[in-house]
Amino acid sequence: MVPLNATLAISLLMGVLLGLGAWLVVSAIPRIGRPSLAERVAPYVADFSEPARELLARRPADPAPVFGVVLGPVSRRVRASITRWSGGGELVAKRLRQAGSSIGVERFRAEQLAWGATAFAIAAGLAIWAPGFATMPAAVRVAVPLLAAAGGVVAREWMLQRSAGQRLARISDELPTVLEFLTLSLTAGESMLEAIRRVARIGSGELSQEFAGVISAVGTGVPLSVAIRSLRDDLDHAALSRALDQVLGALDRGAPLASVLASQAGDARDQAKRTIIELAGRKEIAMLVPLVFLILPITIAFALLPGYLVLQTGF
């Protein structure tokens, strides 16, 4: 058992951490209600009004800046260690882009750190107060929180990989339909830019959102070929990259885009069929589970139960 003084010290530390965490959460909650008239007007008269500048210069009682100064170097070192251990920022940025997440690499590393700290705190609490851990060796009780922290970091990384894989799978499912729609629009006489704009406006899937980003980039002055190339490089989706490479080549050479996209749509559908066949081949055993453990026992029960009941009644 942990001595009383150690238990008291750990309890005080947990209480302080809980209070500071609650303070951070409360300070991050946006204020309820609309801002006052003075607060709304102050940004427009701050150039010549001293009270307006004082109003804008006010800062809430937020402990986050103090924590940032005190714990910032430690947090940066921990995030750098996590970055070296999990594969670098480029890979994480690529996965975030594939997952469609709006957060950056630093925010993701901070979330990993928070997951690891939370898992460490929970495991430490269990190692201290849980009855089952009291009889274990001290080395095990020290190792459990560390393993839990590592598990929290790995779990956040795994969730990102899973989210990116699921989104890429949805893009694979949408790709043939989107390419056929682009082919139809080009055949009707629209330009490539107008066809992409129509897909972005009418569609509601992942590719439609990506094409909406292309339209936004073109609206800011980026050439269409550069925006398409950026989409290809960011997503790094094999089938989509092949289709966009063909589109870029047709745009550079002036070739007819409708025939190019039609052939790419056919290739995408063939690839989807091959993927389904390969997936079915890899999951043959899993597909037998409902047959063997659900359908077959019910069939046998329906076939044998009436005869068994008749024999039991002695008819």
C-alpha atoms as a PDB file:
ATOM      1  CA  MET A   1       0.000   0.000   0.000  1.00  0.00           C
ATOM      2  CA  VAL A   2       1.074   3.574  -0.669  1.00  0.00           C
ATOM      3  CA  PRO A   3       1.990   5.475   2.516  1.00  0.00           C
ATOM      4  CA  LEU A   4      -0.474   8.056   3.724  1.00  0.00           C
ATOM      5  CA  ASN A   5       1.807  11.008   3.058  1.00  0.00           C
ATOM      6  CA  ALA A   6       2.413   9.917  -0.549  1.00  0.00           C
ATOM      7  CA  THR A   7      -1.301   9.389  -1.067  1.00  0.00           C
ATOM      8  CA  LEU A   8      -2.043  12.823   0.334  1.00  0.00           C
ATOM      9  CA  ALA A   9       0.588  14.442  -1.884  1.00  0.00           C
ATOM     10  CA  ILE A  10      -0.735  12.716  -4.988  1.00  0.00           C
ATOM     11  CA  SER A  11      -4.301  13.657  -4.051  1.00  0.00           C
ATOM     12  CA  LEU A  12      -3.306  17.296  -3.668  1.00  0.00           C
ATOM     13  CA  LEU A  13      -1.517  17.210  -7.017  1.00  0.00           C
ATOM     14  CA  MET A  14      -4.537  15.669  -8.726  1.00  0.00           C
ATOM     15  CA  GLY A  15      -6.805  18.266  -7.129  1.00  0.00           C
ATOM     16  CA  VAL A  16      -4.607  21.121  -8.315  1.00  0.00           C
ATOM     17  CA  LEU A  17      -4.475  19.684 -11.844  1.00  0.00           C
ATOM     18  CA  LEU A  18      -8.252  19.233 -11.835  1.00  0.00           C
ATOM     19  CA  GLY A  19      -8.798  22.805 -10.691  1.00  0.00           C
ATOM     20  CA  LEU A  20      -6.423  24.233 -13.272  1.00  0.00           C
ATOM     21  CA  GLY A  21      -8.000  22.133 -16.009  1.00  0.00           C
ATOM     22  CA  ALA A  22     -11.478  23.342 -15.032  1.00  0.00           C
ATOM     23  CA  TRP A  23     -10.163  26.910 -15.034  1.00  0.00           C
ATOM     24  CA  LEU A  24      -8.798  26.474 -18.553  1.00  0.00           C
ATOM     25  CA  VAL A  25     -12.080  24.986 -19.772  1.00  0.00           C
ATOM     26  CA  VAL A  26     -14.161  27.769 -18.245  1.00  0.00           C
ATOM     27  CA  SER A  27     -11.857  30.462 -19.604  1.00  0.00           C
ATOM     28  CA  ALA A  28     -12.200  28.984 -23.125  1.00  0.00           C
ATOM     29  CA  ILE A  29     -16.020  29.067 -23.088  1.00  0.00           C
ATOM     30  CA  PRO A  30     -17.303  32.016 -25.158  1.00  0.00           C
ATOM     31  CA  ARG A  31     -19.208  34.574 -23.186  1.00  0.00           C
ATOM     32  CA  ILE A  32     -22.970  34.139 -23.199  1.00  0.00           C
ATOM     33  CA  GLY A  33     -24.836  37.074 -24.687  1.00  0.00           C
ATOM     34  CA  ARG A  34     -24.051  39.728 -27.259  1.00  0.00           C
ATOM     35  CA  PRO A  35     -21.174  42.169 -26.737  1.00  0.00           C
ATOM     36  CA  SER A  36     -22.007  45.639 -25.548  1.00  0.00           C
ATOM     37  CA  LEU A  37     -22.231  48.642 -27.845  1.00  0.00           C
ATOM     38  CA  ALA A  38     -18.906  50.001 -26.575  1.00  0.00           C
ATOM     39  CA  GLU A  39     -17.160  46.703 -27.368  1.00  0.00           C
ATOM     40  CA  ARG A  40     -18.615  46.651 -30.867  1.00  0.00           C
ATOM     41  CA  VAL A  41     -17.629  50.268 -31.617  1.00  0.00           C
ATOM     42  CA  ALA A  42     -14.188  50.202 -29.969  1.00  0.00           C
ATOM     43  CA  PRO A  43     -12.253  48.630 -32.924  1.00  0.00           C
ATOM     44  CA  TYR A  44     -13.411  51.430 -35.230  1.00  0.00           C
ATOM     45  CA  VAL A  45     -12.451  54.353 -32.947  1.00  0.00           C
ATOM     46  CA  ALA A  46      -9.307  52.915 -31.366  1.00  0.00           C
ATOM     47  CA  ASP A  47      -7.081  55.137 -33.532  1.00  0.00           C
ATOM     48  CA  PHE A  48      -8.145  58.336 -31.770  1.00  0.00           C
ATOM     49  CA  SER A  49      -9.891  57.133 -28.578  1.00  0.00           C
ATOM     50  CA  GLU A  50      -7.845  56.242 -25.505  1.00  0.00           C
ATOM     51  CA  PRO A  51     -10.768  54.495 -23.691  1.00  0.00           C
ATOM     52  CA  ALA A  52     -11.360  52.342 -26.762  1.00  0.00           C
ATOM     53  CA  ARG A  53      -7.713  51.292 -26.779  1.00  0.00           C
ATOM     54  CA  GLU A  54      -7.901  50.461 -23.092  1.00  0.00           C
ATOM     55  CA  LEU A  55     -11.044  48.405 -23.687  1.00  0.00           C
ATOM     56  CA  LEU A  56      -9.393  46.447 -26.481  1.00  0.00           C
ATOM     57  CA  ALA A  57      -6.251  45.971 -24.399  1.00  0.00           C
ATOM     58  CA  ARG A  58      -8.101  44.214 -21.584  1.00  0.00           C
ATOM     59  CA  ARG A  59      -7.266  40.572 -21.128  1.00  0.00           C
ATOM     60  CA  PRO A  60      -9.357  38.015 -19.237  1.00  0.00           C
ATOM     61  CA  ALA A  61      -7.964  36.158 -16.245  1.00  0.00           C
ATOM     62  CA  ASP A  62      -6.741  33.279 -18.381  1.00  0.00           C
ATOM     63  CA  PRO A  63      -3.933  31.076 -17.020  1.00  0.00           C
ATOM     64  CA  ALA A  64      -3.123  29.713 -20.494  1.00  0.00           C
ATOM     65  CA  PRO A  65      -0.412  32.341 -21.288  1.00  0.00           C
ATOM     66  CA  VAL A  66       1.335  31.598 -17.987  1.00  0.00           C
ATOM     67  CA  PHE A  67       1.179  27.885 -18.678  1.00  0.00           C
ATOM     68  CA  GLY A  68       2.478  28.535 -22.174  1.00  0.00           C
ATOM     69  CA  VAL A  69       5.531  30.354 -20.820  1.00  0.00           C
ATOM     70  CA  VAL A  70       6.213  27.788 -18.108  1.00  0.00           C
ATOM     71  CA  LEU A  71       5.336  24.574 -19.905  1.00  0.00           C
ATOM     72  CA  GLY A  72       5.991  25.682 -23.490  1.00  0.00           C
ATOM     73  CA  PRO A  73       9.579  24.377 -23.765  1.00  0.00           C
ATOM     74  CA  VAL A  74       8.623  21.039 -22.227  1.00  0.00           C
ATOM     75  CA  SER A  75       5.626  20.719 -24.522  1.00  0.00           C
ATOM     76  CA  ARG A  76       7.722  21.542 -27.581  1.00  0.00           C
ATOM     77  CA  ARG A  77      10.312  18.935 -26.663  1.00  0.00           C
ATOM     78  CA  VAL A  78       7.667  16.297 -26.092  1.00  0.00           C
ATOM     79  CA  ARG A  79       5.989  17.117 -29.422  1.00  0.00           C
ATOM     80  CA  ALA A  80       9.379  16.957 -31.172  1.00  0.00           C
ATOM     81  CA  SER A  81      10.001  13.526 -29.633  1.00  0.00           C
ATOM     82  CA  ILE A  82       6.584  12.347 -30.764  1.00  0.00           C
ATOM     83  CA  THR A  83       7.289  13.711 -34.264  1.00  0.00           C
ATOM     84  CA  ARG A  84      10.582  11.829 -34.537  1.00  0.00           C
ATOM     85  CA  TRP A  85       9.015   8.669 -33.174  1.00  0.00           C
ATOM     86  CA  SER A  86       5.875   8.646 -35.363  1.00  0.00           C
ATOM     87  CA  GLY A  87       7.322   9.503 -38.750  1.00  0.00           C
ATOM     88  CA  GLY A  88       7.714  13.278 -39.186  1.00  0.00           C
ATOM     89  CA  GLY A  89       5.439  16.205 -39.822  1.00  0.00           C
ATOM     90  CA  GLU A  90       5.164  15.678 -43.593  1.00  0.00           C
ATOM     91  CA  LEU A  91       3.487  12.307 -43.169  1.00  0.00           C
ATOM     92  CA  VAL A  92       1.089  13.675 -40.556  1.00  0.00           C
ATOM     93  CA  ALA A  93       0.255  16.685 -42.733  1.00  0.00           C
ATOM     94  CA  LYS A  94      -0.450  14.333 -45.631  1.00  0.00           C
ATOM     95  CA  ARG A  95      -2.727  12.156 -43.518  1.00  0.00           C
ATOM     96  CA  LEU A  96      -4.556  15.202 -42.173  1.00  0.00           C
ATOM     97  CA  ARG A  97      -5.100  16.379 -45.736  1.00  0.00           C
ATOM     98  CA  GLN A  98      -6.342  12.962 -46.797  1.00  0.00           C
ATOM     99  CA  ALA A  99      -8.678  12.847 -43.803  1.00  0.00           C
ATOM    100  CA  GLY A 100     -10.100  16.264 -44.698  1.00  0.00           C
ATOM    101  CA  SER A 101      -9.166  17.669 -41.305  1.00  0.00           C
ATOM    102  CA  SER A 102      -8.778  21.410 -40.865  1.00  0.00           C
ATOM    103  CA  ILE A 103      -6.287  21.201 -37.981  1.00  0.00           C
ATOM    104  CA  GLY A 104      -2.556  21.572 -38.466  1.00  0.00           C
ATOM    105  CA  VAL A 105       0.343  19.360 -37.506  1.00  0.00           C
ATOM    106  CA  GLU A 106       1.019  21.309 -34.299  1.00  0.00           C
ATOM    107  CA  ARG A 107      -2.607  20.978 -33.214  1.00  0.00           C
ATOM    108  CA  PHE A 108      -2.530  17.262 -33.936  1.00  0.00           C
ATOM    109  CA  ARG A 109       0.658  16.842 -31.904  1.00  0.00           C
ATOM    110  CA  ALA A 110      -0.956  18.750 -29.065  1.00  0.00           C
ATOM    111  CA  GLU A 111      -3.951  16.399 -29.242  1.00  0.00           C
ATOM    112  CA  GLN A 112      -1.610  13.417 -29.153  1.00  0.00           C
ATOM    113  CA  LEU A 113       0.074  14.880 -26.106  1.00  0.00           C
ATOM    114  CA  ALA A 114      -3.305  15.469 -24.455  1.00  0.00           C
ATOM    115  CA  TRP A 115      -4.398  11.889 -25.187  1.00  0.00           C
ATOM    116  CA  GLY A 116      -1.168  10.535 -23.738  1.00  0.00           C
ATOM    117  CA  ALA A 117      -1.427  12.736 -20.635  1.00  0.00           C
ATOM    118  CA  THR A 118      -5.045  11.711 -20.084  1.00  0.00           C
ATOM    119  CA  ALA A 119      -4.222   8.029 -20.425  1.00  0.00           C
ATOM    120  CA  PHE A 120      -1.267   8.493 -18.071  1.00  0.00           C
ATOM    121  CA  ALA A 121      -3.434  10.219 -15.455  1.00  0.00           C
ATOM    122  CA  ILE A 122      -6.147   7.540 -15.607  1.00  0.00           C
ATOM    123  CA  ALA A 123      -3.642   4.698 -15.413  1.00  0.00           C
ATOM    124  CA  ALA A 124      -1.771   6.418 -12.566  1.00  0.00           C
ATOM    125  CA  GLY A 125      -5.010   6.808 -10.645  1.00  0.00           C
ATOM    126  CA  LEU A 126      -5.814   3.144 -11.148  1.00  0.00           C
ATOM    127  CA  ALA A 127      -2.293   2.117 -10.145  1.00  0.00           C
ATOM    128  CA  ILE A 128      -2.564   4.122  -6.936  1.00  0.00           C
ATOM    129  CA  TRP A 129      -6.126   3.525  -5.781  1.00  0.00           C
ATOM    130  CA  ALA A 130      -7.364   0.385  -7.513  1.00  0.00           C
ATOM    131  CA  PRO A 131      -7.411  -2.619  -5.145  1.00  0.00           C
ATOM    132  CA  GLY A 132      -6.000  -4.991  -7.748  1.00  0.00           C
ATOM    133  CA  PHE A 133      -2.862  -2.930  -8.302  1.00  0.00           C
ATOM    134  CA  ALA A 134      -1.952  -2.718  -4.615  1.00  0.00           C
ATOM    135  CA  THR A 135      -0.494  -6.229  -4.568  1.00  0.00           C
ATOM    136  CA  MET A 136       1.503  -5.832  -7.783  1.00  0.00           C
ATOM    137  CA  PRO A 137       5.231  -5.043  -7.827  1.00  0.00           C
ATOM    138  CA  ALA A 138       6.288  -1.416  -7.877  1.00  0.00           C
ATOM    139  CA  ALA A 139       7.893  -1.799 -11.316  1.00  0.00           C
ATOM    140  CA  VAL A 140       4.578  -2.886 -12.812  1.00  0.00           C
ATOM    141  CA  ARG A 141       2.717  -0.027 -11.155  1.00  0.00           C
ATOM    142  CA  VAL A 142       5.237   2.439 -12.587  1.00  0.00           C
ATOM    143  CA  ALA A 143       5.239   0.857 -16.051  1.00  0.00           C
ATOM    144  CA  VAL A 144       1.441   0.791 -16.441  1.00  0.00           C
ATOM    145  CA  PRO A 145       1.000   4.605 -16.645  1.00  0.00           C
ATOM    146  CA  LEU A 146       3.910   4.899 -19.090  1.00  0.00           C
ATOM    147  CA  LEU A 147       2.468   2.192 -21.316  1.00  0.00           C
ATOM    148  CA  ALA A 148      -0.935   3.838 -21.102  1.00  0.00           C
ATOM    149  CA  ALA A 149       0.548   7.181 -22.188  1.00  0.00           C
ATOM    150  CA  ALA A 150       2.235   5.535 -25.161  1.00  0.00           C
ATOM    151  CA  GLY A 151      -1.036   3.788 -25.966  1.00  0.00           C
ATOM    152  CA  GLY A 152      -2.894   7.105 -25.943  1.00  0.00           C
ATOM    153  CA  VAL A 153      -0.432   8.632 -28.410  1.00  0.00           C
ATOM    154  CA  VAL A 154      -0.607   5.588 -30.680  1.00  0.00           C
ATOM    155  CA  ALA A 155      -4.415   5.519 -30.472  1.00  0.00           C
ATOM    156  CA  ARG A 156      -4.653   9.113 -31.741  1.00  0.00           C
ATOM    157  CA  GLU A 157      -2.286   8.260 -34.603  1.00  0.00           C
ATOM    158  CA  TRP A 158      -4.334   5.169 -35.439  1.00  0.00           C
ATOM    159  CA  MET A 159      -7.564   7.174 -35.478  1.00  0.00           C
ATOM    160  CA  LEU A 160      -6.014   9.606 -37.956  1.00  0.00           C
ATOM    161  CA  GLN A 161      -4.879   6.751 -40.204  1.00  0.00           C
ATOM    162  CA  ARG A 162      -8.322   5.171 -40.021  1.00  0.00           C
ATOM    163  CA  SER A 163     -10.055   8.449 -40.843  1.00  0.00           C
ATOM    164  CA  ALA A 164      -7.740   9.046 -43.807  1.00  0.00           C
ATOM    165  CA  GLY A 165      -8.270   5.503 -45.103  1.00  0.00           C
ATOM    166  CA  GLN A 166     -12.044   5.761 -44.825  1.00  0.00           C
ATOM    167  CA  ARG A 167     -12.095   9.080 -46.667  1.00  0.00           C
ATOM    168  CA  LEU A 168      -9.873   7.733 -49.447  1.00  0.00           C
ATOM    169  CA  ALA A 169     -12.205   4.744 -49.742  1.00  0.00           C
ATOM    170  CA  ARG A 170     -15.179   7.093 -50.126  1.00  0.00           C
ATOM    171  CA  ILE A 171     -13.272   8.999 -52.807  1.00  0.00           C
ATOM    172  CA  SER A 172     -12.647   5.703 -54.627  1.00  0.00           C
ATOM    173  CA  ASP A 173     -16.374   4.958 -54.555  1.00  0.00           C
ATOM    174  CA  GLU A 174     -17.298   8.421 -55.842  1.00  0.00           C
ATOM    175  CA  LEU A 175     -14.613   8.672 -58.538  1.00  0.00           C
ATOM    176  CA  PRO A 176     -16.343   6.772 -61.410  1.00  0.00           C
ATOM    177  CA  THR A 177     -19.591   8.701 -60.978  1.00  0.00           C
ATOM    178  CA  VAL A 178     -17.816  12.061 -60.793  1.00  0.00           C
ATOM    179  CA  LEU A 179     -15.723  11.302 -63.879  1.00  0.00           C
ATOM    180  CA  GLU A 180     -18.828  10.271 -65.819  1.00  0.00           C
ATOM    181  CA  PHE A 181     -20.582  13.468 -64.751  1.00  0.00           C
ATOM    182  CA  LEU A 182     -17.598  15.505 -65.910  1.00  0.00           C
ATOM    183  CA  THR A 183     -17.652  13.637 -69.218  1.00  0.00           C
ATOM    184  CA  LEU A 184     -21.346  14.411 -69.649  1.00  0.00           C
ATOM    185  CA  SER A 185     -20.775  18.105 -68.912  1.00  0.00           C
ATOM    186  CA  LEU A 186     -17.866  18.320 -71.351  1.00  0.00           C
ATOM    187  CA  THR A 187     -19.866  16.523 -74.028  1.00  0.00           C
ATOM    188  CA  ALA A 188     -22.645  19.079 -73.542  1.00  0.00           C
ATOM    189  CA  GLY A 189     -20.201  21.855 -74.485  1.00  0.00           C
ATOM    190  CA  GLU A 190     -18.968  23.140 -71.135  1.00  0.00           C
ATOM    191  CA  SER A 191     -15.338  23.888 -70.391  1.00  0.00           C
ATOM    192  CA  MET A 192     -13.331  21.919 -67.863  1.00  0.00           C
ATOM    193  CA  LEU A 193     -13.605  24.716 -65.316  1.00  0.00           C
ATOM    194  CA  GLU A 194     -17.383  24.955 -65.700  1.00  0.00           C
ATOM    195  CA  ALA A 195     -17.723  21.177 -65.463  1.00  0.00           C
ATOM    196  CA  ILE A 196     -15.738  21.127 -62.222  1.00  0.00           C
ATOM    197  CA  ARG A 197     -17.805  24.030 -60.900  1.00  0.00           C
ATOM    198  CA  ARG A 198     -21.010  22.126 -61.695  1.00  0.00           C
ATOM    199  CA  VAL A 199     -19.764  19.032 -59.849  1.00  0.00           C
ATOM    200  CA  ALA A 200     -18.781  21.156 -56.858  1.00  0.00           C
ATOM    201  CA  ARG A 201     -22.181  22.856 -56.818  1.00  0.00           C
ATOM    202  CA  ILE A 202     -24.399  19.814 -57.309  1.00  0.00           C
ATOM    203  CA  GLY A 203     -22.428  17.070 -55.593  1.00  0.00           C
ATOM    204  CA  SER A 204     -22.314  16.402 -51.875  1.00  0.00           C
ATOM    205  CA  GLY A 205     -19.471  13.902 -51.484  1.00  0.00           C
ATOM    206  CA  GLU A 206     -15.787  14.121 -50.716  1.00  0.00           C
ATOM    207  CA  LEU A 207     -14.700  14.720 -54.311  1.00  0.00           C
ATOM    208  CA  SER A 208     -17.245  17.508 -54.654  1.00  0.00           C
ATOM    209  CA  GLN A 209     -15.688  19.219 -51.643  1.00  0.00           C
ATOM    210  CA  GLU A 210     -12.223  18.815 -53.137  1.00  0.00           C
ATOM    211  CA  PHE A 211     -13.375  20.258 -56.455  1.00  0.00           C
ATOM    212  CA  ALA A 212     -14.967  23.123 -54.558  1.00  0.00           C
ATOM    213  CA  GLY A 213     -11.504  23.844 -53.168  1.00  0.00           C
ATOM    214  CA  VAL A 214     -10.140  23.825 -56.718  1.00  0.00           C
ATOM    215  CA  ILE A 215     -12.790  26.346 -57.782  1.00  0.00           C
ATOM    216  CA  SER A 216     -11.964  28.545 -54.796  1.00  0.00           C
ATOM    217  CA  ALA A 217      -8.271  28.453 -55.694  1.00  0.00           C
ATOM    218  CA  VAL A 218      -9.024  29.354 -59.308  1.00  0.00           C
ATOM    219  CA  GLY A 219     -11.227  32.202 -58.081  1.00  0.00           C
ATOM    220  CA  THR A 220      -8.247  33.662 -56.216  1.00  0.00           C
ATOM    221  CA  GLY A 221      -6.111  33.706 -59.369  1.00  0.00           C
ATOM    222  CA  VAL A 222      -4.470  30.270 -59.330  1.00  0.00           C
ATOM    223  CA  PRO A 223      -4.337  28.646 -62.795  1.00  0.00           C
ATOM    224  CA  LEU A 224      -6.600  25.635 -63.232  1.00  0.00           C
ATOM    225  CA  SER A 225      -3.716  23.288 -64.040  1.00  0.00           C
ATOM    226  CA  VAL A 226      -1.846  24.369 -60.892  1.00  0.00           C
ATOM    227  CA  ALA A 227      -4.943  23.859 -58.710  1.00  0.00           C
ATOM    228  CA  ILE A 228      -5.535  20.385 -60.196  1.00  0.00           C
ATOM    229  CA  ARG A 229      -1.882  19.466 -59.711  1.00  0.00           C
ATOM    230  CA  SER A 230      -2.052  20.622 -56.098  1.00  0.00           C
ATOM    231  CA  LEU A 231      -5.139  18.457 -55.521  1.00  0.00           C
ATOM    232  CA  ARG A 232      -3.373  15.468 -57.031  1.00  0.00           C
ATOM    233  CA  ASP A 233      -0.259  15.895 -54.906  1.00  0.00           C
ATOM    234  CA  ASP A 234      -2.139  16.599 -51.659  1.00  0.00           C
ATOM    235  CA  LEU A 235      -4.505  13.639 -51.746  1.00  0.00           C
ATOM    236  CA  ASP A 236      -2.049  11.132 -53.266  1.00  0.00           C
ATOM    237  CA  HIS A 237      -4.916   8.857 -54.309  1.00  0.00           C
ATOM    238  CA  ALA A 238      -3.746   6.395 -56.974  1.00  0.00           C
ATOM    239  CA  ALA A 239      -6.853   6.301 -59.182  1.00  0.00           C
ATOM    240  CA  LEU A 240      -7.562  10.010 -58.809  1.00  0.00           C
ATOM    241  CA  SER A 241      -3.923  10.834 -59.551  1.00  0.00           C
ATOM    242  CA  ARG A 242      -4.060   8.831 -62.791  1.00  0.00           C
ATOM    243  CA  ALA A 243      -7.236  10.603 -63.860  1.00  0.00           C
ATOM    244  CA  LEU A 244      -5.883  14.039 -63.019  1.00  0.00           C
ATOM    245  CA  ASP A 245      -2.608  13.274 -64.816  1.00  0.00           C
ATOM    246  CA  GLN A 246      -4.589  12.480 -67.943  1.00  0.00           C
ATOM    247  CA  VAL A 247      -6.600  15.683 -67.520  1.00  0.00           C
ATOM    248  CA  LEU A 248      -3.430  17.762 -67.105  1.00  0.00           C
ATOM    249  CA  GLY A 249      -1.878  16.138 -70.154  1.00  0.00           C
ATOM    250  CA  ALA A 250      -5.002  16.823 -72.207  1.00  0.00           C
ATOM    251  CA  LEU A 251      -5.057  20.446 -71.031  1.00  0.00           C
ATOM    252  CA  ASP A 252      -1.405  20.922 -71.994  1.00  0.00           C
ATOM    253  CA  ARG A 253      -1.749  19.279 -75.414  1.00  0.00           C
ATOM    254  CA  GLY A 254      -5.224  20.554 -76.214  1.00  0.00           C
ATOM    255  CA  ALA A 255      -6.626  17.030 -76.584  1.00  0.00           C
ATOM    256  CA  PRO A 256     -10.370  16.363 -76.230  1.00  0.00           C
ATOM    257  CA  LEU A 257     -11.114  15.946 -72.540  1.00  0.00           C
ATOM    258  CA  ALA A 258     -14.408  14.073 -72.895  1.00  0.00           C
ATOM    259  CA  SER A 259     -12.835  10.929 -74.343  1.00  0.00           C
ATOM    260  CA  VAL A 260     -10.016  11.038 -71.800  1.00  0.00           C
ATOM    261  CA  LEU A 261     -12.421  11.256 -68.845  1.00  0.00           C
ATOM    262  CA  ALA A 262     -14.686   8.564 -70.313  1.00  0.00           C
ATOM    263  CA  SER A 263     -11.779   6.114 -70.498  1.00  0.00           C
ATOM    264  CA  GLN A 264     -10.691   7.064 -66.987  1.00  0.00           C
ATOM    265  CA  ALA A 265     -14.233   6.488 -65.680  1.00  0.00           C
ATOM    266  CA  GLY A 266     -14.228   3.028 -67.228  1.00  0.00           C
ATOM    267  CA  ASP A 267     -10.849   2.263 -65.687  1.00  0.00           C
ATOM    268  CA  ALA A 268     -12.085   3.479 -62.298  1.00  0.00           C
ATOM    269  CA  ARG A 269     -15.123   1.181 -62.438  1.00  0.00           C
ATOM    270  CA  ASP A 270     -12.947  -1.782 -63.452  1.00  0.00           C
ATOM    271  CA  GLN A 271     -10.605  -1.008 -60.582  1.00  0.00           C
ATOM    272  CA  ALA A 272     -13.555  -0.867 -58.178  1.00  0.00           C
ATOM    273  CA  LYS A 273     -14.696  -4.306 -59.366  1.00  0.00           C
ATOM    274  CA  ARG A 274     -11.195  -5.732 -58.936  1.00  0.00           C
ATOM    275  CA  THR A 275     -10.980  -4.225 -55.453  1.00  0.00           C
ATOM    276  CA  ILE A 276     -14.276  -5.839 -54.456  1.00  0.00           C
ATOM    277  CA  ILE A 277     -13.141  -9.232 -55.797  1.00  0.00           C
ATOM    278  CA  GLU A 278      -9.810  -8.964 -53.969  1.00  0.00           C
ATOM    279  CA  LEU A 279     -11.557  -7.938 -50.766  1.00  0.00           C
ATOM    280  CA  ALA A 280     -13.924 -10.889 -51.040  1.00  0.00           C
ATOM    281  CA  GLY A 281     -10.962 -13.213 -51.600  1.00  0.00           C
ATOM    282  CA  ARG A 282      -9.202 -11.902 -48.497  1.00  0.00           C
ATOM    283  CA  LYS A 283     -12.313 -12.255 -46.346  1.00  0.00           C
ATOM    284  CA  GLU A 284     -13.469 -15.735 -47.315  1.00  0.00           C
ATOM    285  CA  ILE A 285     -13.179 -17.023 -43.749  1.00  0.00           C
ATOM    286  CA  ALA A 286     -14.950 -13.983 -42.344  1.00  0.00           C
ATOM    287  CA  MET A 287     -17.783 -14.480 -44.831  1.00  0.00           C
ATOM    288  CA  LEU A 288     -18.198 -18.071 -43.618  1.00  0.00           C
ATOM    289  CA  VAL A 289     -18.812 -16.961 -40.021  1.00  0.00           C
ATOM    290  CA  PRO A 290     -22.496 -15.944 -40.476  1.00  0.00           C
ATOM    291  CA  LEU A 291     -23.078 -19.011 -42.651  1.00  0.00           C
ATOM    292  CA  VAL A 292     -21.607 -21.511 -40.183  1.00  0.00           C
ATOM    293  CA  PHE A 293     -22.686 -19.956 -36.896  1.00  0.00           C
ATOM    294  CA  LEU A 294     -26.024 -18.365 -37.839  1.00  0.00           C
ATOM    295  CA  ILE A 295     -27.658 -19.750 -40.985  1.00  0.00           C
ATOM    296  CA  LEU A 296     -26.569 -23.387 -40.683  1.00  0.00           C
ATOM    297  CA  PRO A 297     -27.652 -23.883 -37.021  1.00  0.00           C
ATOM    298  CA  ILE A 298     -31.040 -22.301 -37.715  1.00  0.00           C
ATOM    299  CA  THR A 299     -31.507 -24.548 -40.783  1.00  0.00           C
ATOM    300  CA  ILE A 300     -30.611 -27.655 -38.789  1.00  0.00           C
ATOM    301  CA  ALA A 301     -32.914 -26.598 -35.979  1.00  0.00           C
ATOM    302  CA  PHE A 302     -35.844 -26.141 -38.348  1.00  0.00           C
ATOM    303  CA  ALA A 303     -35.109 -29.490 -39.998  1.00  0.00           C
ATOM    304  CA  LEU A 304     -34.641 -31.613 -36.868  1.00  0.00           C
ATOM    305  CA  LEU A 305     -36.729 -29.929 -34.173  1.00  0.00           C
ATOM    306  CA  PRO A 306     -40.186 -31.051 -35.458  1.00  0.00           C
ATOM    307  CA  GLY A 307     -39.063 -34.712 -35.640  1.00  0.00           C
ATOM    308  CA  TYR A 308     -37.481 -34.476 -32.194  1.00  0.00           C
ATOM    309  CA  LEU A 309     -40.682 -33.069 -30.711  1.00  0.00           C
ATOM    310  CA  VAL A 310     -42.734 -35.825 -32.324  1.00  0.00           C
ATOM    311  CA  LEU A 311     -40.428 -38.469 -30.882  1.00  0.00           C
ATOM    312  CA  GLN A 312     -40.628 -36.856 -27.462  1.00  0.00           C
ATOM    313  CA  THR A 313     -44.419 -36.923 -27.457  1.00  0.00           C
ATOM    314  CA  GLY A 314     -44.341 -40.641 -28.400  1.00  0.00           C
ATOM    315  CA  PHE A 315     -46.468 -40.267 -31.525  1.00  0.00           C
END
